[in-house]
Amino acid sequence: MKPIIFPRMSEKSFDQSKKSNVYTFSVADNANKITVKDMVEKQYNVKVESVNISVTKGKVKRSVKKSGKRVEGQRSDHKKAYVTVAKGDTIPVFAAAAEGSEE
């Protein structure tokens, strides 16, 4: 199974992409640094210098129903990849967001 990869657009990731050429992606749970690097290079035609991955565990959420019964659930875990690209390279998705914010 191929790892799914798509960009995370947030204020923090947008600032990182402009200041230090670091782009943030949401990746599948089975992805590792090598597969993320290969997929980004293939998908966006850029030179990847490094990849860092973080796994965020889902929060446990508790609530109480009207009947007084306690209900507990958990949000799903998610994995993020921070990809540093070579100087001068950009990823078009983030560049399009930059053009839209300048107007």
PDB file of N, CA and C in Angstrom:
ATOM      1  N   MET A   1       0.834  -1.187   0.000  1.00  0.00           N
ATOM      2  CA  MET A   1       0.000   0.000   0.000  1.00  0.00           C
ATOM      3  C   MET A   1       0.877   1.248   0.000  1.00  0.00           C
ATOM      4  N   LYS A   2       0.594   2.180  -0.914  1.00  0.00           N
ATOM      5  CA  LYS A   2       1.363   3.410  -1.007  1.00  0.00           C
ATOM      6  C   LYS A   2       0.943   4.373   0.097  1.00  0.00           C
ATOM      7  N   PRO A   3       1.899   5.065   0.688  1.00  0.00           N
ATOM      8  CA  PRO A   3       1.529   6.066   1.691  1.00  0.00           C
ATOM      9  C   PRO A   3       0.871   7.271   1.032  1.00  0.00           C
ATOM     10  N   ILE A   4      -0.212   7.726   1.622  1.00  0.00           N
ATOM     11  CA  ILE A   4      -0.928   8.897   1.111  1.00  0.00           C
ATOM     12  C   ILE A   4      -0.226  10.135   1.645  1.00  0.00           C
ATOM     13  N   ILE A   5      -0.045  11.126   0.778  1.00  0.00           N
ATOM     14  CA  ILE A   5       0.644  12.347   1.182  1.00  0.00           C
ATOM     15  C   ILE A   5      -0.092  13.547   0.597  1.00  0.00           C
ATOM     16  N   PHE A   6      -0.392  14.537   1.462  1.00  0.00           N
ATOM     17  CA  PHE A   6      -0.981  15.774   0.972  1.00  0.00           C
ATOM     18  C   PHE A   6      -0.541  16.922   1.874  1.00  0.00           C
ATOM     19  N   PRO A   7      -0.431  18.136   1.314  1.00  0.00           N
ATOM     20  CA  PRO A   7       0.094  19.271   2.080  1.00  0.00           C
ATOM     21  C   PRO A   7      -0.860  19.732   3.176  1.00  0.00           C
ATOM     22  N   ARG A   8      -0.287  20.188   4.279  1.00  0.00           N
ATOM     23  CA  ARG A   8      -1.071  20.771   5.377  1.00  0.00           C
ATOM     24  C   ARG A   8      -0.955  22.285   5.257  1.00  0.00           C
ATOM     25  N   MET A   9      -2.074  22.938   5.030  1.00  0.00           N
ATOM     26  CA  MET A   9      -2.072  24.387   4.887  1.00  0.00           C
ATOM     27  C   MET A   9      -2.538  25.017   6.199  1.00  0.00           C
ATOM     28  N   SER A  10      -1.615  25.633   6.893  1.00  0.00           N
ATOM     29  CA  SER A  10      -1.929  26.376   8.108  1.00  0.00           C
ATOM     30  C   SER A  10      -1.011  27.591   8.154  1.00  0.00           C
ATOM     31  N   GLU A  11      -1.286  28.494   9.059  1.00  0.00           N
ATOM     32  CA  GLU A  11      -0.442  29.691   9.161  1.00  0.00           C
ATOM     33  C   GLU A  11       0.988  29.314   9.519  1.00  0.00           C
ATOM     34  N   LYS A  12       1.133  28.373  10.435  1.00  0.00           N
ATOM     35  CA  LYS A  12       2.467  27.964  10.869  1.00  0.00           C
ATOM     36  C   LYS A  12       3.243  27.324   9.715  1.00  0.00           C
ATOM     37  N   SER A  13       2.609  26.407   8.975  1.00  0.00           N
ATOM     38  CA  SER A  13       3.318  25.749   7.872  1.00  0.00           C
ATOM     39  C   SER A  13       3.613  26.724   6.740  1.00  0.00           C
ATOM     40  N   PHE A  14       2.726  27.685   6.519  1.00  0.00           N
ATOM     41  CA  PHE A  14       2.957  28.693   5.488  1.00  0.00           C
ATOM     42  C   PHE A  14       4.167  29.552   5.853  1.00  0.00           C
ATOM     43  N   ASP A  15       4.269  29.983   7.114  1.00  0.00           N
ATOM     44  CA  ASP A  15       5.420  30.774   7.555  1.00  0.00           C
ATOM     45  C   ASP A  15       6.717  29.978   7.440  1.00  0.00           C
ATOM     46  N   GLN A  16       6.674  28.693   7.809  1.00  0.00           N
ATOM     47  CA  GLN A  16       7.875  27.863   7.709  1.00  0.00           C
ATOM     48  C   GLN A  16       8.327  27.721   6.260  1.00  0.00           C
ATOM     49  N   SER A  17       7.380  27.616   5.345  1.00  0.00           N
ATOM     50  CA  SER A  17       7.744  27.445   3.941  1.00  0.00           C
ATOM     51  C   SER A  17       8.397  28.707   3.392  1.00  0.00           C
ATOM     52  N   LYS A  18       7.959  29.875   3.855  1.00  0.00           N
ATOM     53  CA  LYS A  18       8.533  31.123   3.365  1.00  0.00           C
ATOM     54  C   LYS A  18       9.888  31.411   4.001  1.00  0.00           C
ATOM     55  N   LYS A  19      10.036  31.128   5.300  1.00  0.00           N
ATOM     56  CA  LYS A  19      11.256  31.496   6.016  1.00  0.00           C
ATOM     57  C   LYS A  19      12.382  30.484   5.850  1.00  0.00           C
ATOM     58  N   SER A  20      12.074  29.194   5.949  1.00  0.00           N
ATOM     59  CA  SER A  20      13.157  28.220   5.999  1.00  0.00           C
ATOM     60  C   SER A  20      13.015  27.052   5.029  1.00  0.00           C
ATOM     61  N   ASN A  21      12.166  27.192   4.002  1.00  0.00           N
ATOM     62  CA  ASN A  21      11.996  26.150   2.984  1.00  0.00           C
ATOM     63  C   ASN A  21      11.558  24.811   3.564  1.00  0.00           C
ATOM     64  N   VAL A  22      10.786  24.831   4.657  1.00  0.00           N
ATOM     65  CA  VAL A  22      10.262  23.617   5.272  1.00  0.00           C
ATOM     66  C   VAL A  22       8.774  23.542   4.970  1.00  0.00           C
ATOM     67  N   TYR A  23       8.353  22.439   4.360  1.00  0.00           N
ATOM     68  CA  TYR A  23       6.956  22.239   3.988  1.00  0.00           C
ATOM     69  C   TYR A  23       6.371  21.110   4.823  1.00  0.00           C
ATOM     70  N   THR A  24       5.110  21.257   5.222  1.00  0.00           N
ATOM     71  CA  THR A  24       4.458  20.290   6.093  1.00  0.00           C
ATOM     72  C   THR A  24       3.441  19.481   5.303  1.00  0.00           C
ATOM     73  N   PHE A  25       3.480  18.156   5.491  1.00  0.00           N
ATOM     74  CA  PHE A  25       2.563  17.252   4.812  1.00  0.00           C
ATOM     75  C   PHE A  25       1.922  16.309   5.819  1.00  0.00           C
ATOM     76  N   SER A  26       0.670  15.963   5.581  1.00  0.00           N
ATOM     77  CA  SER A  26       0.029  14.879   6.312  1.00  0.00           C
ATOM     78  C   SER A  26       0.331  13.608   5.544  1.00  0.00           C
ATOM     79  N   VAL A  27       0.759  12.579   6.264  1.00  0.00           N
ATOM     80  CA  VAL A  27       1.123  11.326   5.603  1.00  0.00           C
ATOM     81  C   VAL A  27       0.407  10.157   6.264  1.00  0.00           C
ATOM     82  N   ALA A  28       0.372   9.034   5.576  1.00  0.00           N
ATOM     83  CA  ALA A  28      -0.259   7.829   6.103  1.00  0.00           C
ATOM     84  C   ALA A  28       0.560   7.276   7.266  1.00  0.00           C
ATOM     85  N   ASP A  29      -0.090   6.469   8.078  1.00  0.00           N
ATOM     86  CA  ASP A  29       0.575   5.902   9.252  1.00  0.00           C
ATOM     87  C   ASP A  29       1.730   4.974   8.896  1.00  0.00           C
ATOM     88  N   ASN A  30       1.699   4.362   7.706  1.00  0.00           N
ATOM     89  CA  ASN A  30       2.760   3.431   7.323  1.00  0.00           C
ATOM     90  C   ASN A  30       3.914   4.115   6.603  1.00  0.00           C
ATOM     91  N   ALA A  31       3.897   5.432   6.476  1.00  0.00           N
ATOM     92  CA  ALA A  31       4.956   6.158   5.759  1.00  0.00           C
ATOM     93  C   ALA A  31       6.204   6.286   6.627  1.00  0.00           C
ATOM     94  N   ASN A  32       7.368   6.258   5.964  1.00  0.00           N
ATOM     95  CA  ASN A  32       8.619   6.536   6.655  1.00  0.00           C
ATOM     96  C   ASN A  32       9.369   7.630   5.899  1.00  0.00           C
ATOM     97  N   LYS A  33      10.531   8.038   6.401  1.00  0.00           N
ATOM     98  CA  LYS A  33      11.254   9.167   5.811  1.00  0.00           C
ATOM     99  C   LYS A  33      11.640   8.922   4.355  1.00  0.00           C
ATOM    100  N   ILE A  34      12.039   7.718   4.048  1.00  0.00           N
ATOM    101  CA  ILE A  34      12.495   7.407   2.692  1.00  0.00           C
ATOM    102  C   ILE A  34      11.332   7.491   1.709  1.00  0.00           C
ATOM    103  N   THR A  35      10.184   6.911   2.066  1.00  0.00           N
ATOM    104  CA  THR A  35       9.042   6.946   1.151  1.00  0.00           C
ATOM    105  C   THR A  35       8.503   8.363   0.999  1.00  0.00           C
ATOM    106  N   VAL A  36       8.508   9.144   2.076  1.00  0.00           N
ATOM    107  CA  VAL A  36       8.045  10.533   1.990  1.00  0.00           C
ATOM    108  C   VAL A  36       8.969  11.325   1.071  1.00  0.00           C
ATOM    109  N   LYS A  37      10.271  11.151   1.222  1.00  0.00           N
ATOM    110  CA  LYS A  37      11.235  11.861   0.372  1.00  0.00           C
ATOM    111  C   LYS A  37      11.021  11.513  -1.105  1.00  0.00           C
ATOM    112  N   ASP A  38      10.894  10.218  -1.388  1.00  0.00           N
ATOM    113  CA  ASP A  38      10.695   9.784  -2.777  1.00  0.00           C
ATOM    114  C   ASP A  38       9.401  10.336  -3.357  1.00  0.00           C
ATOM    115  N   MET A  39       8.331  10.306  -2.591  1.00  0.00           N
ATOM    116  CA  MET A  39       7.039  10.767  -3.095  1.00  0.00           C
ATOM    117  C   MET A  39       7.027  12.273  -3.332  1.00  0.00           C
ATOM    118  N   VAL A  40       7.626  13.056  -2.438  1.00  0.00           N
ATOM    119  CA  VAL A  40       7.661  14.514  -2.619  1.00  0.00           C
ATOM    120  C   VAL A  40       8.506  14.869  -3.833  1.00  0.00           C
ATOM    121  N   GLU A  41       9.667  14.233  -3.975  1.00  0.00           N
ATOM    122  CA  GLU A  41      10.519  14.505  -5.135  1.00  0.00           C
ATOM    123  C   GLU A  41       9.814  14.141  -6.437  1.00  0.00           C
ATOM    124  N   LYS A  42       9.108  13.021  -6.441  1.00  0.00           N
ATOM    125  CA  LYS A  42       8.414  12.572  -7.650  1.00  0.00           C
ATOM    126  C   LYS A  42       7.194  13.439  -7.953  1.00  0.00           C
ATOM    127  N   GLN A  43       6.424  13.782  -6.906  1.00  0.00           N
ATOM    128  CA  GLN A  43       5.167  14.500  -7.091  1.00  0.00           C
ATOM    129  C   GLN A  43       5.374  15.967  -7.445  1.00  0.00           C
ATOM    130  N   TYR A  44       6.378  16.617  -6.844  1.00  0.00           N
ATOM    131  CA  TYR A  44       6.541  18.065  -6.999  1.00  0.00           C
ATOM    132  C   TYR A  44       7.811  18.469  -7.752  1.00  0.00           C
ATOM    133  N   ASN A  45       8.633  17.519  -8.182  1.00  0.00           N
ATOM    134  CA  ASN A  45       9.868  17.799  -8.927  1.00  0.00           C
ATOM    135  C   ASN A  45      10.777  18.783  -8.203  1.00  0.00           C
ATOM    136  N   VAL A  46      11.076  18.494  -6.941  1.00  0.00           N
ATOM    137  CA  VAL A  46      11.990  19.300  -6.138  1.00  0.00           C
ATOM    138  C   VAL A  46      13.061  18.392  -5.549  1.00  0.00           C
ATOM    139  N   LYS A  47      14.144  18.998  -5.070  1.00  0.00           N
ATOM    140  CA  LYS A  47      15.222  18.257  -4.407  1.00  0.00           C
ATOM    141  C   LYS A  47      14.994  18.346  -2.898  1.00  0.00           C
ATOM    142  N   VAL A  48      14.783  17.203  -2.263  1.00  0.00           N
ATOM    143  CA  VAL A  48      14.532  17.159  -0.815  1.00  0.00           C
ATOM    144  C   VAL A  48      15.858  16.997  -0.086  1.00  0.00           C
ATOM    145  N   GLU A  49      16.105  17.874   0.887  1.00  0.00           N
ATOM    146  CA  GLU A  49      17.340  17.798   1.676  1.00  0.00           C
ATOM    147  C   GLU A  49      17.155  16.937   2.923  1.00  0.00           C
ATOM    148  N   SER A  50      16.026  17.108   3.631  1.00  0.00           N
ATOM    149  CA  SER A  50      15.803  16.304   4.833  1.00  0.00           C
ATOM    150  C   SER A  50      14.312  16.145   5.091  1.00  0.00           C
ATOM    151  N   VAL A  51      13.987  15.118   5.882  1.00  0.00           N
ATOM    152  CA  VAL A  51      12.601  14.836   6.263  1.00  0.00           C
ATOM    153  C   VAL A  51      12.573  14.528   7.748  1.00  0.00           C
ATOM    154  N   ASN A  52      11.680  15.188   8.471  1.00  0.00           N
ATOM    155  CA  ASN A  52      11.421  14.879   9.873  1.00  0.00           C
ATOM    156  C   ASN A  52       9.959  14.482   9.997  1.00  0.00           C
ATOM    157  N   ILE A  53       9.697  13.460  10.804  1.00  0.00           N
ATOM    158  CA  ILE A  53       8.331  12.961  10.951  1.00  0.00           C
ATOM    159  C   ILE A  53       7.924  13.023  12.409  1.00  0.00           C
ATOM    160  N   SER A  54       6.672  13.451  12.647  1.00  0.00           N
ATOM    161  CA  SER A  54       6.140  13.445  14.012  1.00  0.00           C
ATOM    162  C   SER A  54       4.783  12.756  14.013  1.00  0.00           C
ATOM    163  N   VAL A  55       4.534  11.994  15.071  1.00  0.00           N
ATOM    164  CA  VAL A  55       3.253  11.319  15.240  1.00  0.00           C
ATOM    165  C   VAL A  55       2.555  11.951  16.430  1.00  0.00           C
ATOM    166  N   THR A  56       1.352  12.456  16.200  1.00  0.00           N
ATOM    167  CA  THR A  56       0.574  13.069  17.264  1.00  0.00           C
ATOM    168  C   THR A  56      -0.527  12.102  17.667  1.00  0.00           C
ATOM    169  N   LYS A  57      -0.549  11.732  18.928  1.00  0.00           N
ATOM    170  CA  LYS A  57      -1.564  10.813  19.420  1.00  0.00           C
ATOM    171  C   LYS A  57      -2.881  11.552  19.572  1.00  0.00           C
ATOM    172  N   GLY A  58      -3.970  10.869  19.294  1.00  0.00           N
ATOM    173  CA  GLY A  58      -5.292  11.467  19.389  1.00  0.00           C
ATOM    174  C   GLY A  58      -5.697  11.716  20.833  1.00  0.00           C
ATOM    175  N   LYS A  59      -6.415  12.803  21.057  1.00  0.00           N
ATOM    176  CA  LYS A  59      -6.869  13.147  22.399  1.00  0.00           C
ATOM    177  C   LYS A  59      -8.010  12.232  22.830  1.00  0.00           C
ATOM    178  N   VAL A  60      -8.075  11.956  24.117  1.00  0.00           N
ATOM    179  CA  VAL A  60      -9.222  11.254  24.679  1.00  0.00           C
ATOM    180  C   VAL A  60     -10.251  12.312  25.039  1.00  0.00           C
ATOM    181  N   LYS A  61     -11.451  12.147  24.521  1.00  0.00           N
ATOM    182  CA  LYS A  61     -12.524  13.116  24.757  1.00  0.00           C
ATOM    183  C   LYS A  61     -13.605  12.449  25.595  1.00  0.00           C
ATOM    184  N   ARG A  62     -14.047  13.141  26.655  1.00  0.00           N
ATOM    185  CA  ARG A  62     -15.083  12.609  27.531  1.00  0.00           C
ATOM    186  C   ARG A  62     -16.259  13.570  27.558  1.00  0.00           C
ATOM    187  N   SER A  63     -17.444  13.015  27.645  1.00  0.00           N
ATOM    188  CA  SER A  63     -18.638  13.847  27.783  1.00  0.00           C
ATOM    189  C   SER A  63     -19.676  13.069  28.590  1.00  0.00           C
ATOM    190  N   VAL A  64     -20.709  13.787  29.014  1.00  0.00           N
ATOM    191  CA  VAL A  64     -21.784  13.177  29.801  1.00  0.00           C
ATOM    192  C   VAL A  64     -23.097  13.435  29.080  1.00  0.00           C
ATOM    193  N   LYS A  65     -23.865  12.361  28.881  1.00  0.00           N
ATOM    194  CA  LYS A  65     -25.169  12.496  28.237  1.00  0.00           C
ATOM    195  C   LYS A  65     -26.190  13.025  29.248  1.00  0.00           C
ATOM    196  N   LYS A  66     -27.363  13.412  28.755  1.00  0.00           N
ATOM    197  CA  LYS A  66     -28.414  13.921  29.638  1.00  0.00           C
ATOM    198  C   LYS A  66     -28.819  12.902  30.687  1.00  0.00           C
ATOM    199  N   SER A  67     -28.761  11.634  30.344  1.00  0.00           N
ATOM    200  CA  SER A  67     -29.158  10.588  31.286  1.00  0.00           C
ATOM    201  C   SER A  67     -28.117  10.382  32.381  1.00  0.00           C
ATOM    202  N   GLY A  68     -26.976  11.048  32.272  1.00  0.00           N
ATOM    203  CA  GLY A  68     -25.928  10.937  33.281  1.00  0.00           C
ATOM    204  C   GLY A  68     -24.874   9.902  32.922  1.00  0.00           C
ATOM    205  N   LYS A  69     -25.052   9.249  31.807  1.00  0.00           N
ATOM    206  CA  LYS A  69     -24.098   8.232  31.382  1.00  0.00           C
ATOM    207  C   LYS A  69     -22.852   8.892  30.798  1.00  0.00           C
ATOM    208  N   ARG A  70     -21.700   8.426  31.245  1.00  0.00           N
ATOM    209  CA  ARG A  70     -20.436   8.967  30.743  1.00  0.00           C
ATOM    210  C   ARG A  70     -20.056   8.264  29.451  1.00  0.00           C
ATOM    211  N   VAL A  71     -19.598   9.046  28.484  1.00  0.00           N
ATOM    212  CA  VAL A  71     -19.182   8.522  27.186  1.00  0.00           C
ATOM    213  C   VAL A  71     -17.746   8.951  26.950  1.00  0.00           C
ATOM    214  N   GLU A  72     -16.929   7.987  26.523  1.00  0.00           N
ATOM    215  CA  GLU A  72     -15.529   8.301  26.253  1.00  0.00           C
ATOM    216  C   GLU A  72     -15.179   7.872  24.834  1.00  0.00           C
ATOM    217  N   GLY A  73     -14.447   8.722  24.145  1.00  0.00           N
ATOM    218  CA  GLY A  73     -14.000   8.409  22.795  1.00  0.00           C
ATOM    219  C   GLY A  73     -12.593   8.932  22.599  1.00  0.00           C
ATOM    220  N   GLN A  74     -12.016   8.620  21.462  1.00  0.00           N
ATOM    221  CA  GLN A  74     -10.667   9.085  21.191  1.00  0.00           C
ATOM    222  C   GLN A  74     -10.573   9.549  19.744  1.00  0.00           C
ATOM    223  N   ARG A  75      -9.941  10.707  19.548  1.00  0.00           N
ATOM    224  CA  ARG A  75      -9.685  11.189  18.198  1.00  0.00           C
ATOM    225  C   ARG A  75      -8.576  10.349  17.588  1.00  0.00           C
ATOM    226  N   SER A  76      -8.543  10.291  16.282  1.00  0.00           N
ATOM    227  CA  SER A  76      -7.555   9.439  15.622  1.00  0.00           C
ATOM    228  C   SER A  76      -6.163  10.076  15.673  1.00  0.00           C
ATOM    229  N   ASP A  77      -5.151   9.220  15.661  1.00  0.00           N
ATOM    230  CA  ASP A  77      -3.763   9.670  15.604  1.00  0.00           C
ATOM    231  C   ASP A  77      -3.485  10.197  14.200  1.00  0.00           C
ATOM    232  N   HIS A  78      -2.501  11.104  14.098  1.00  0.00           N
ATOM    233  CA  HIS A  78      -2.109  11.551  12.767  1.00  0.00           C
ATOM    234  C   HIS A  78      -0.600  11.772  12.720  1.00  0.00           C
ATOM    235  N   LYS A  79      -0.079  11.610  11.502  1.00  0.00           N
ATOM    236  CA  LYS A  79       1.357  11.675  11.277  1.00  0.00           C
ATOM    237  C   LYS A  79       1.654  12.830  10.337  1.00  0.00           C
ATOM    238  N   LYS A  80       2.651  13.644  10.691  1.00  0.00           N
ATOM    239  CA  LYS A  80       3.051  14.784   9.867  1.00  0.00           C
ATOM    240  C   LYS A  80       4.508  14.626   9.461  1.00  0.00           C
ATOM    241  N   ALA A  81       4.806  15.086   8.251  1.00  0.00           N
ATOM    242  CA  ALA A  81       6.189  15.083   7.768  1.00  0.00           C
ATOM    243  C   ALA A  81       6.595  16.517   7.490  1.00  0.00           C
ATOM    244  N   TYR A  82       7.743  16.912   8.029  1.00  0.00           N
ATOM    245  CA  TYR A  82       8.318  18.230   7.769  1.00  0.00           C
ATOM    246  C   TYR A  82       9.447  18.019   6.761  1.00  0.00           C
ATOM    247  N   VAL A  83       9.251  18.530   5.549  1.00  0.00           N
ATOM    248  CA  VAL A  83      10.185  18.286   4.447  1.00  0.00           C
ATOM    249  C   VAL A  83      10.936  19.573   4.136  1.00  0.00           C
ATOM    250  N   THR A  84      12.267  19.520   4.198  1.00  0.00           N
ATOM    251  CA  THR A  84      13.111  20.648   3.826  1.00  0.00           C
ATOM    252  C   THR A  84      13.576  20.443   2.395  1.00  0.00           C
ATOM    253  N   VAL A  85      13.283  21.423   1.536  1.00  0.00           N
ATOM    254  CA  VAL A  85      13.689  21.316   0.133  1.00  0.00           C
ATOM    255  C   VAL A  85      14.917  22.193  -0.105  1.00  0.00           C
ATOM    256  N   ALA A  86      15.601  21.932  -1.209  1.00  0.00           N
ATOM    257  CA  ALA A  86      16.821  22.670  -1.546  1.00  0.00           C
ATOM    258  C   ALA A  86      16.504  24.144  -1.762  1.00  0.00           C
ATOM    259  N   LYS A  87      17.494  24.972  -1.518  1.00  0.00           N
ATOM    260  CA  LYS A  87      17.324  26.410  -1.689  1.00  0.00           C
ATOM    261  C   LYS A  87      16.986  26.730  -3.140  1.00  0.00           C
ATOM    262  N   GLY A  88      15.987  27.561  -3.338  1.00  0.00           N
ATOM    263  CA  GLY A  88      15.568  27.918  -4.683  1.00  0.00           C
ATOM    264  C   GLY A  88      14.391  27.097  -5.190  1.00  0.00           C
ATOM    265  N   ASP A  89      14.158  25.918  -4.614  1.00  0.00           N
ATOM    266  CA  ASP A  89      13.010  25.092  -4.998  1.00  0.00           C
ATOM    267  C   ASP A  89      11.783  25.505  -4.194  1.00  0.00           C
ATOM    268  N   THR A  90      10.627  25.447  -4.829  1.00  0.00           N
ATOM    269  CA  THR A  90       9.370  25.703  -4.135  1.00  0.00           C
ATOM    270  C   THR A  90       8.357  24.655  -4.542  1.00  0.00           C
ATOM    271  N   ILE A  91       7.353  24.471  -3.701  1.00  0.00           N
ATOM    272  CA  ILE A  91       6.272  23.541  -4.004  1.00  0.00           C
ATOM    273  C   ILE A  91       5.079  24.380  -4.450  1.00  0.00           C
ATOM    274  N   PRO A  92       4.513  24.081  -5.619  1.00  0.00           N
ATOM    275  CA  PRO A  92       3.491  24.939  -6.228  1.00  0.00           C
ATOM    276  C   PRO A  92       2.253  25.182  -5.363  1.00  0.00           C
ATOM    277  N   VAL A  93       1.836  24.225  -4.561  1.00  0.00           N
ATOM    278  CA  VAL A  93       0.634  24.402  -3.735  1.00  0.00           C
ATOM    279  C   VAL A  93       0.838  25.564  -2.769  1.00  0.00           C
ATOM    280  N   PHE A  94       2.011  25.629  -2.153  1.00  0.00           N
ATOM    281  CA  PHE A  94       2.303  26.694  -1.201  1.00  0.00           C
ATOM    282  C   PHE A  94       2.531  28.014  -1.924  1.00  0.00           C
ATOM    283  N   ALA A  95       3.108  27.967  -3.125  1.00  0.00           N
ATOM    284  CA  ALA A  95       3.325  29.186  -3.903  1.00  0.00           C
ATOM    285  C   ALA A  95       2.010  29.802  -4.337  1.00  0.00           C
ATOM    286  N   ALA A  96       1.026  28.967  -4.669  1.00  0.00           N
ATOM    287  CA  ALA A  96      -0.296  29.462  -5.059  1.00  0.00           C
ATOM    288  C   ALA A  96      -0.978  30.144  -3.875  1.00  0.00           C
ATOM    289  N   ALA A  97      -0.784  29.612  -2.685  1.00  0.00           N
ATOM    290  CA  ALA A  97      -1.350  30.231  -1.486  1.00  0.00           C
ATOM    291  C   ALA A  97      -0.700  31.583  -1.231  1.00  0.00           C
ATOM    292  N   ALA A  98       0.608  31.687  -1.523  1.00  0.00           N
ATOM    293  CA  ALA A  98       1.307  32.961  -1.323  1.00  0.00           C
ATOM    294  C   ALA A  98       0.785  34.015  -2.273  1.00  0.00           C
ATOM    295  N   GLU A  99       0.505  33.657  -3.522  1.00  0.00           N
ATOM    296  CA  GLU A  99      -0.015  34.609  -4.488  1.00  0.00           C
ATOM    297  C   GLU A  99      -1.402  35.087  -4.080  1.00  0.00           C
ATOM    298  N   GLY A 100      -2.210  34.187  -3.547  1.00  0.00           N
ATOM    299  CA  GLY A 100      -3.555  34.542  -3.120  1.00  0.00           C
ATOM    300  C   GLY A 100      -3.564  35.458  -1.904  1.00  0.00           C
ATOM    301  N   SER A 101      -2.557  35.331  -1.038  1.00  0.00           N
ATOM    302  CA  SER A 101      -2.527  36.167   0.166  1.00  0.00           C
ATOM    303  C   SER A 101      -1.996  37.562  -0.105  1.00  0.00           C
ATOM    304  N   GLU A 102      -1.288  37.771  -1.212  1.00  0.00           N
ATOM    305  CA  GLU A 102      -0.734  39.094  -1.527  1.00  0.00           C
ATOM    306  C   GLU A 102      -1.780  40.049  -2.048  1.00  0.00           C
ATOM    307  N   GLU A 103      -2.899  39.535  -2.540  1.00  0.00           N
ATOM    308  CA  GLU A 103      -3.923  40.397  -3.118  1.00  0.00           C
ATOM    309  C   GLU A 103      -4.671  41.176  -2.077  1.00  0.00           C
TER     310      GLU A 103
END
